[in-house]
């Protein structure tokens, strides 16, 4: 009985692994496109903050703007719409 249960578990594990690999193969290209689109969106949004300065004040202002957008959920709302 123990041998039979072990064989069934091995077969089930192999089938689950095959399904997982197939699922990853299907989802990965779409995920790559979604990430690329989000990267373009974030890059444009980052550029809209203006020129990056080397001063601590400029870096602090940029960080506050990014945190504000993050807290408002603009980036995540954009991703959820897709």
PDB file of N, CA and C in Angstrom:
ATOM      1  N   UNK A   1       0.829  -1.203   0.000  1.00  0.00           N
ATOM      2  CA  UNK A   1       0.000   0.000   0.000  1.00  0.00           C
ATOM      3  C   UNK A   1       0.866   1.256   0.000  1.00  0.00           C
ATOM      4  N   UNK A   2       1.946   1.249   0.767  1.00  0.00           N
ATOM      5  CA  UNK A   2       2.842   2.398   0.853  1.00  0.00           C
ATOM      6  C   UNK A   2       3.506   2.675  -0.487  1.00  0.00           C
ATOM      7  N   UNK A   3       3.891   1.616  -1.208  1.00  0.00           N
ATOM      8  CA  UNK A   3       4.524   1.780  -2.518  1.00  0.00           C
ATOM      9  C   UNK A   3       3.536   2.407  -3.490  1.00  0.00           C
ATOM     10  N   UNK A   4       2.298   1.969  -3.468  1.00  0.00           N
ATOM     11  CA  UNK A   4       1.270   2.509  -4.349  1.00  0.00           C
ATOM     12  C   UNK A   4       1.038   3.987  -4.068  1.00  0.00           C
ATOM     13  N   UNK A   5       0.961   4.368  -2.815  1.00  0.00           N
ATOM     14  CA  UNK A   5       0.756   5.775  -2.454  1.00  0.00           C
ATOM     15  C   UNK A   5       1.932   6.620  -2.901  1.00  0.00           C
ATOM     16  N   UNK A   6       3.139   6.096  -2.771  1.00  0.00           N
ATOM     17  CA  UNK A   6       4.332   6.830  -3.193  1.00  0.00           C
ATOM     18  C   UNK A   6       4.339   7.024  -4.701  1.00  0.00           C
ATOM     19  N   UNK A   7       3.967   5.994  -5.440  1.00  0.00           N
ATOM     20  CA  UNK A   7       3.919   6.102  -6.903  1.00  0.00           C
ATOM     21  C   UNK A   7       2.873   7.119  -7.341  1.00  0.00           C
ATOM     22  N   UNK A   8       1.730   7.102  -6.691  1.00  0.00           N
ATOM     23  CA  UNK A   8       0.677   8.054  -7.033  1.00  0.00           C
ATOM     24  C   UNK A   8       1.130   9.478  -6.748  1.00  0.00           C
ATOM     25  N   UNK A   9       1.833   9.669  -5.651  1.00  0.00           N
ATOM     26  CA  UNK A   9       2.338  11.001  -5.328  1.00  0.00           C
ATOM     27  C   UNK A   9       3.360  11.461  -6.353  1.00  0.00           C
ATOM     28  N   UNK A  10       4.203  10.555  -6.800  1.00  0.00           N
ATOM     29  CA  UNK A  10       5.216  10.915  -7.795  1.00  0.00           C
ATOM     30  C   UNK A  10       4.565  11.296  -9.117  1.00  0.00           C
ATOM     31  N   UNK A  11       3.568  10.538  -9.519  1.00  0.00           N
ATOM     32  CA  UNK A  11       2.856  10.844 -10.766  1.00  0.00           C
ATOM     33  C   UNK A  11       2.136  12.175 -10.641  1.00  0.00           C
ATOM     34  N   UNK A  12       1.473  12.392  -9.526  1.00  0.00           N
ATOM     35  CA  UNK A  12       0.767  13.649  -9.300  1.00  0.00           C
ATOM     36  C   UNK A  12       1.737  14.826  -9.291  1.00  0.00           C
ATOM     37  N   UNK A  13       2.874  14.662  -8.632  1.00  0.00           N
ATOM     38  CA  UNK A  13       3.874  15.734  -8.590  1.00  0.00           C
ATOM     39  C   UNK A  13       4.380  16.052  -9.990  1.00  0.00           C
ATOM     40  N   UNK A  14       4.610  15.034 -10.795  1.00  0.00           N
ATOM     41  CA  UNK A  14       5.088  15.246 -12.166  1.00  0.00           C
ATOM     42  C   UNK A  14       4.035  15.976 -13.000  1.00  0.00           C
ATOM     43  N   UNK A  15       2.768  15.579 -12.855  1.00  0.00           N
ATOM     44  CA  UNK A  15       1.693  16.239 -13.594  1.00  0.00           C
ATOM     45  C   UNK A  15       1.543  17.694 -13.162  1.00  0.00           C
ATOM     46  N   UNK A  16       1.600  17.940 -11.869  1.00  0.00           N
ATOM     47  CA  UNK A  16       1.497  19.316 -11.378  1.00  0.00           C
ATOM     48  C   UNK A  16       2.654  20.166 -11.880  1.00  0.00           C
ATOM     49  N   UNK A  17       3.846  19.592 -11.895  1.00  0.00           N
ATOM     50  CA  UNK A  17       5.013  20.314 -12.401  1.00  0.00           C
ATOM     51  C   UNK A  17       4.832  20.658 -13.878  1.00  0.00           C
ATOM     52  N   UNK A  18       4.335  19.715 -14.670  1.00  0.00           N
ATOM     53  CA  UNK A  18       4.099  19.973 -16.099  1.00  0.00           C
ATOM     54  C   UNK A  18       3.077  21.090 -16.291  1.00  0.00           C
ATOM     55  N   UNK A  19       2.007  21.062 -15.512  1.00  0.00           N
ATOM     56  CA  UNK A  19       0.996  22.121 -15.601  1.00  0.00           C
ATOM     57  C   UNK A  19       1.578  23.471 -15.197  1.00  0.00           C
ATOM     58  N   UNK A  20       2.411  23.479 -14.177  1.00  0.00           N
ATOM     59  CA  UNK A  20       3.042  24.721 -13.732  1.00  0.00           C
ATOM     60  C   UNK A  20       3.947  25.286 -14.817  1.00  0.00           C
ATOM     61  N   UNK A  21       4.743  24.442 -15.445  1.00  0.00           N
ATOM     62  CA  UNK A  21       5.630  24.894 -16.515  1.00  0.00           C
ATOM     63  C   UNK A  21       4.819  25.443 -17.687  1.00  0.00           C
ATOM     64  N   UNK A  22       3.734  24.774 -18.050  1.00  0.00           N
ATOM     65  CA  UNK A  22       2.871  25.268 -19.128  1.00  0.00           C
ATOM     66  C   UNK A  22       2.262  26.614 -18.759  1.00  0.00           C
ATOM     67  N   UNK A  23       1.789  26.739 -17.535  1.00  0.00           N
ATOM     68  CA  UNK A  23       1.175  27.995 -17.087  1.00  0.00           C
ATOM     69  C   UNK A  23       2.185  29.138 -17.122  1.00  0.00           C
ATOM     70  N   UNK A  24       3.389  28.882 -16.657  1.00  0.00           N
ATOM     71  CA  UNK A  24       4.436  29.908 -16.693  1.00  0.00           C
ATOM     72  C   UNK A  24       4.723  30.310 -18.129  1.00  0.00           C
ATOM     73  N   UNK A  25       4.786  29.343 -19.027  1.00  0.00           N
ATOM     74  CA  UNK A  25       5.024  29.643 -20.439  1.00  0.00           C
ATOM     75  C   UNK A  25       3.928  30.496 -21.055  1.00  0.00           C
ATOM     76  N   UNK A  26       2.707  30.324 -20.600  1.00  0.00           N
ATOM     77  CA  UNK A  26       1.584  31.109 -21.121  1.00  0.00           C
ATOM     78  C   UNK A  26       1.575  32.511 -20.518  1.00  0.00           C
ATOM     79  N   UNK A  27       1.806  32.615 -19.225  1.00  0.00           N
ATOM     80  CA  UNK A  27       1.676  33.883 -18.508  1.00  0.00           C
ATOM     81  C   UNK A  27       2.891  34.790 -18.682  1.00  0.00           C
ATOM     82  N   UNK A  28       4.067  34.219 -18.825  1.00  0.00           N
ATOM     83  CA  UNK A  28       5.299  35.002 -18.835  1.00  0.00           C
ATOM     84  C   UNK A  28       5.353  36.067 -19.932  1.00  0.00           C
ATOM     85  N   UNK A  29       4.990  35.774 -21.181  1.00  0.00           N
ATOM     86  CA  UNK A  29       5.036  36.836 -22.198  1.00  0.00           C
ATOM     87  C   UNK A  29       4.101  38.011 -21.880  1.00  0.00           C
ATOM     88  N   UNK A  30       2.906  37.710 -21.387  1.00  0.00           N
ATOM     89  CA  UNK A  30       1.969  38.775 -21.027  1.00  0.00           C
ATOM     90  C   UNK A  30       2.499  39.590 -19.853  1.00  0.00           C
ATOM     91  N   UNK A  31       3.095  38.916 -18.899  1.00  0.00           N
ATOM     92  CA  UNK A  31       3.678  39.604 -17.749  1.00  0.00           C
ATOM     93  C   UNK A  31       4.826  40.509 -18.184  1.00  0.00           C
ATOM     94  N   UNK A  32       5.628  40.040 -19.119  1.00  0.00           N
ATOM     95  CA  UNK A  32       6.741  40.844 -19.632  1.00  0.00           C
ATOM     96  C   UNK A  32       6.215  42.112 -20.304  1.00  0.00           C
ATOM     97  N   UNK A  33       5.155  41.991 -21.076  1.00  0.00           N
ATOM     98  CA  UNK A  33       4.554  43.157 -21.736  1.00  0.00           C
ATOM     99  C   UNK A  33       4.004  44.124 -20.696  1.00  0.00           C
ATOM    100  N   UNK A  34       3.322  43.600 -19.688  1.00  0.00           N
ATOM    101  CA  UNK A  34       2.747  44.444 -18.636  1.00  0.00           C
ATOM    102  C   UNK A  34       3.838  45.205 -17.897  1.00  0.00           C
ATOM    103  N   UNK A  35       4.926  44.533 -17.589  1.00  0.00           N
ATOM    104  CA  UNK A  35       6.032  45.197 -16.893  1.00  0.00           C
ATOM    105  C   UNK A  35       6.677  46.244 -17.780  1.00  0.00           C
ATOM    106  N   UNK A  36       6.820  45.951 -19.072  1.00  0.00           N
ATOM    107  CA  UNK A  36       7.413  46.925 -19.996  1.00  0.00           C
ATOM    108  C   UNK A  36       6.548  48.177 -20.104  1.00  0.00           C
ATOM    109  N   UNK A  37       5.237  47.988 -20.190  1.00  0.00           N
ATOM    110  CA  UNK A  37       4.320  49.126 -20.263  1.00  0.00           C
ATOM    111  C   UNK A  37       4.392  49.935 -18.972  1.00  0.00           C
ATOM    112  N   UNK A  38       4.419  49.252 -17.843  1.00  0.00           N
ATOM    113  CA  UNK A  38       4.511  49.950 -16.556  1.00  0.00           C
ATOM    114  C   UNK A  38       5.828  50.701 -16.436  1.00  0.00           C
ATOM    115  N   UNK A  39       6.905  50.123 -16.948  1.00  0.00           N
ATOM    116  CA  UNK A  39       8.203  50.783 -16.901  1.00  0.00           C
ATOM    117  C   UNK A  39       8.198  52.059 -17.729  1.00  0.00           C
ATOM    118  N   UNK A  40       7.581  52.013 -18.907  1.00  0.00           N
ATOM    119  CA  UNK A  40       7.476  53.222 -19.736  1.00  0.00           C
ATOM    120  C   UNK A  40       6.650  54.279 -19.013  1.00  0.00           C
ATOM    121  N   UNK A  41       5.540  53.857 -18.411  1.00  0.00           N
ATOM    122  CA  UNK A  41       4.673  54.781 -17.682  1.00  0.00           C
ATOM    123  C   UNK A  41       5.428  55.437 -16.532  1.00  0.00           C
ATOM    124  N   UNK A  42       6.140  54.636 -15.758  1.00  0.00           N
ATOM    125  CA  UNK A  42       6.870  55.166 -14.608  1.00  0.00           C
ATOM    126  C   UNK A  42       8.011  56.064 -15.066  1.00  0.00           C
ATOM    127  N   UNK A  43       8.673  55.703 -16.157  1.00  0.00           N
ATOM    128  CA  UNK A  43       9.759  56.532 -16.683  1.00  0.00           C
ATOM    129  C   UNK A  43       9.237  57.895 -17.117  1.00  0.00           C
ATOM    130  N   UNK A  44       8.097  57.915 -17.814  1.00  0.00           N
ATOM    131  CA  UNK A  44       7.505  59.192 -18.228  1.00  0.00           C
ATOM    132  C   UNK A  44       7.068  60.002 -17.011  1.00  0.00           C
ATOM    133  N   UNK A  45       6.481  59.324 -16.042  1.00  0.00           N
ATOM    134  CA  UNK A  45       6.045  60.026 -14.836  1.00  0.00           C
ATOM    135  C   UNK A  45       7.250  60.582 -14.083  1.00  0.00           C
ATOM    136  N   UNK A  46       8.299  59.808 -14.011  1.00  0.00           N
ATOM    137  CA  UNK A  46       9.523  60.256 -13.340  1.00  0.00           C
ATOM    138  C   UNK A  46      10.107  61.467 -14.058  1.00  0.00           C
ATOM    139  N   UNK A  47      10.077  61.460 -15.387  1.00  0.00           N
ATOM    140  CA  UNK A  47      10.593  62.593 -16.156  1.00  0.00           C
ATOM    141  C   UNK A  47       9.735  63.837 -15.941  1.00  0.00           C
ATOM    142  N   UNK A  48       8.453  63.647 -15.634  1.00  0.00           N
ATOM    143  CA  UNK A  48       7.570  64.796 -15.435  1.00  0.00           C
ATOM    144  C   UNK A  48       7.891  65.548 -14.146  1.00  0.00           C
ATOM    145  N   UNK A  49       8.652  64.927 -13.241  1.00  0.00           N
ATOM    146  CA  UNK A  49       9.025  65.600 -12.003  1.00  0.00           C
ATOM    147  C   UNK A  49      10.084  66.666 -12.234  1.00  0.00           C
ATOM    148  N   UNK A  50      10.683  66.646 -13.388  1.00  0.00           N
ATOM    149  CA  UNK A  50      11.687  67.656 -13.699  1.00  0.00           C
ATOM    150  C   UNK A  50      13.091  67.108 -13.600  1.00  0.00           C
ATOM    151  N   UNK A  51      14.020  68.013 -13.770  1.00  0.00           N
ATOM    152  CA  UNK A  51      15.430  67.633 -13.761  1.00  0.00           C
ATOM    153  C   UNK A  51      15.849  67.176 -12.368  1.00  0.00           C
ATOM    154  N   UNK A  52      16.576  66.104 -12.341  1.00  0.00           N
ATOM    155  CA  UNK A  52      17.054  65.581 -11.066  1.00  0.00           C
ATOM    156  C   UNK A  52      18.265  66.393 -10.638  1.00  0.00           C
ATOM    157  N   UNK A  53      18.220  66.861  -9.430  1.00  0.00           N
ATOM    158  CA  UNK A  53      19.336  67.648  -8.916  1.00  0.00           C
ATOM    159  C   UNK A  53      20.169  66.796  -7.981  1.00  0.00           C
ATOM    160  N   UNK A  54      21.402  67.212  -7.809  1.00  0.00           N
ATOM    161  CA  UNK A  54      22.300  66.497  -6.912  1.00  0.00           C
ATOM    162  C   UNK A  54      22.148  66.958  -5.467  1.00  0.00           C
ATOM    163  N   UNK A  55      21.440  68.064  -5.259  1.00  0.00           N
ATOM    164  CA  UNK A  55      21.313  68.580  -3.895  1.00  0.00           C
ATOM    165  C   UNK A  55      20.375  67.695  -3.078  1.00  0.00           C
ATOM    166  N   UNK A  56      20.550  67.718  -1.787  1.00  0.00           N
ATOM    167  CA  UNK A  56      19.700  66.940  -0.882  1.00  0.00           C
ATOM    168  C   UNK A  56      18.256  67.426  -0.934  1.00  0.00           C
ATOM    169  N   UNK A  57      18.076  68.739  -1.104  1.00  0.00           N
ATOM    170  CA  UNK A  57      16.725  69.298  -1.170  1.00  0.00           C
ATOM    171  C   UNK A  57      16.012  68.787  -2.420  1.00  0.00           C
ATOM    172  N   UNK A  58      16.708  68.814  -3.550  1.00  0.00           N
ATOM    173  CA  UNK A  58      16.112  68.329  -4.800  1.00  0.00           C
ATOM    174  C   UNK A  58      15.782  66.851  -4.737  1.00  0.00           C
ATOM    175  N   UNK A  59      16.671  66.068  -4.151  1.00  0.00           N
ATOM    176  CA  UNK A  59      16.423  64.638  -4.019  1.00  0.00           C
ATOM    177  C   UNK A  59      15.260  64.372  -3.069  1.00  0.00           C
ATOM    178  N   UNK A  60      15.178  65.171  -2.015  1.00  0.00           N
ATOM    179  CA  UNK A  60      14.077  65.018  -1.074  1.00  0.00           C
ATOM    180  C   UNK A  60      12.736  65.347  -1.706  1.00  0.00           C
ATOM    181  N   UNK A  61      12.708  66.408  -2.522  1.00  0.00           N
ATOM    182  CA  UNK A  61      11.465  66.783  -3.204  1.00  0.00           C
ATOM    183  C   UNK A  61      11.038  65.693  -4.175  1.00  0.00           C
ATOM    184  N   UNK A  62      12.000  65.134  -4.901  1.00  0.00           N
ATOM    185  CA  UNK A  62      11.692  64.051  -5.834  1.00  0.00           C
ATOM    186  C   UNK A  62      11.142  62.843  -5.083  1.00  0.00           C
ATOM    187  N   UNK A  63      11.769  62.498  -3.982  1.00  0.00           N
ATOM    188  CA  UNK A  63      11.309  61.363  -3.190  1.00  0.00           C
ATOM    189  C   UNK A  63       9.899  61.599  -2.654  1.00  0.00           C
ATOM    190  N   UNK A  64       9.614  62.803  -2.198  1.00  0.00           N
ATOM    191  CA  UNK A  64       8.264  63.108  -1.711  1.00  0.00           C
ATOM    192  C   UNK A  64       7.230  62.988  -2.819  1.00  0.00           C
ATOM    193  N   UNK A  65       7.563  63.461  -4.015  1.00  0.00           N
ATOM    194  CA  UNK A  65       6.636  63.337  -5.144  1.00  0.00           C
ATOM    195  C   UNK A  65       6.373  61.877  -5.483  1.00  0.00           C
ATOM    196  N   UNK A  66       7.425  61.071  -5.494  1.00  0.00           N
ATOM    197  CA  UNK A  66       7.255  59.650  -5.798  1.00  0.00           C
ATOM    198  C   UNK A  66       6.404  58.973  -4.729  1.00  0.00           C
ATOM    199  N   UNK A  67       6.672  59.262  -3.465  1.00  0.00           N
ATOM    200  CA  UNK A  67       5.887  58.667  -2.382  1.00  0.00           C
ATOM    201  C   UNK A  67       4.428  59.109  -2.431  1.00  0.00           C
ATOM    202  N   UNK A  68       4.194  60.357  -2.819  1.00  0.00           N
ATOM    203  CA  UNK A  68       2.819  60.840  -2.933  1.00  0.00           C
ATOM    204  C   UNK A  68       2.080  60.077  -4.022  1.00  0.00           C
ATOM    205  N   UNK A  69       2.713  59.914  -5.181  1.00  0.00           N
ATOM    206  CA  UNK A  69       2.074  59.168  -6.268  1.00  0.00           C
ATOM    207  C   UNK A  69       1.837  57.722  -5.857  1.00  0.00           C
ATOM    208  N   UNK A  70       2.795  57.151  -5.160  1.00  0.00           N
ATOM    209  CA  UNK A  70       2.664  55.772  -4.697  1.00  0.00           C
ATOM    210  C   UNK A  70       1.493  55.641  -3.729  1.00  0.00           C
ATOM    211  N   UNK A  71       1.386  56.582  -2.802  1.00  0.00           N
ATOM    212  CA  UNK A  71       0.318  56.503  -1.807  1.00  0.00           C
ATOM    213  C   UNK A  71      -1.053  56.748  -2.420  1.00  0.00           C
ATOM    214  N   UNK A  72      -1.100  57.524  -3.483  1.00  0.00           N
ATOM    215  CA  UNK A  72      -2.365  57.756  -4.175  1.00  0.00           C
ATOM    216  C   UNK A  72      -2.775  56.543  -4.996  1.00  0.00           C
ATOM    217  N   UNK A  73      -1.832  55.661  -5.258  1.00  0.00           N
ATOM    218  CA  UNK A  73      -2.146  54.446  -6.000  1.00  0.00           C
ATOM    219  C   UNK A  73      -2.213  54.628  -7.492  1.00  0.00           C
ATOM    220  N   UNK A  74      -1.682  55.718  -8.022  1.00  0.00           N
ATOM    221  CA  UNK A  74      -1.772  55.955  -9.460  1.00  0.00           C
ATOM    222  C   UNK A  74      -1.103  54.854 -10.264  1.00  0.00           C
ATOM    223  N   UNK A  75       0.042  54.403  -9.831  1.00  0.00           N
ATOM    224  CA  UNK A  75       0.756  53.377 -10.574  1.00  0.00           C
ATOM    225  C   UNK A  75      -0.020  52.069 -10.528  1.00  0.00           C
ATOM    226  N   UNK A  76      -0.518  51.698  -9.351  1.00  0.00           N
ATOM    227  CA  UNK A  76      -1.219  50.439  -9.229  1.00  0.00           C
ATOM    228  C   UNK A  76      -2.573  50.481  -9.928  1.00  0.00           C
ATOM    229  N   UNK A  77      -3.255  51.617  -9.897  1.00  0.00           N
ATOM    230  CA  UNK A  77      -4.508  51.738 -10.631  1.00  0.00           C
ATOM    231  C   UNK A  77      -4.268  51.559 -12.113  1.00  0.00           C
ATOM    232  N   UNK A  78      -3.188  52.128 -12.611  1.00  0.00           N
ATOM    233  CA  UNK A  78      -2.852  51.980 -14.020  1.00  0.00           C
ATOM    234  C   UNK A  78      -2.609  50.510 -14.352  1.00  0.00           C
ATOM    235  N   UNK A  79      -1.906  49.806 -13.487  1.00  0.00           N
ATOM    236  CA  UNK A  79      -1.614  48.400 -13.743  1.00  0.00           C
ATOM    237  C   UNK A  79      -2.869  47.546 -13.649  1.00  0.00           C
ATOM    238  N   UNK A  80      -3.784  47.879 -12.744  1.00  0.00           N
ATOM    239  CA  UNK A  80      -4.996  47.091 -12.589  1.00  0.00           C
ATOM    240  C   UNK A  80      -5.946  47.263 -13.763  1.00  0.00           C
ATOM    241  N   UNK A  81      -5.908  48.411 -14.427  1.00  0.00           N
ATOM    242  CA  UNK A  81      -6.781  48.654 -15.578  1.00  0.00           C
ATOM    243  C   UNK A  81      -6.404  47.732 -16.721  1.00  0.00           C
ATOM    244  N   UNK A  82      -5.135  47.447 -16.867  1.00  0.00           N
ATOM    245  CA  UNK A  82      -4.641  46.596 -17.950  1.00  0.00           C
ATOM    246  C   UNK A  82      -5.178  45.241 -17.751  1.00  0.00           C
TER     247      UNK A  82
END
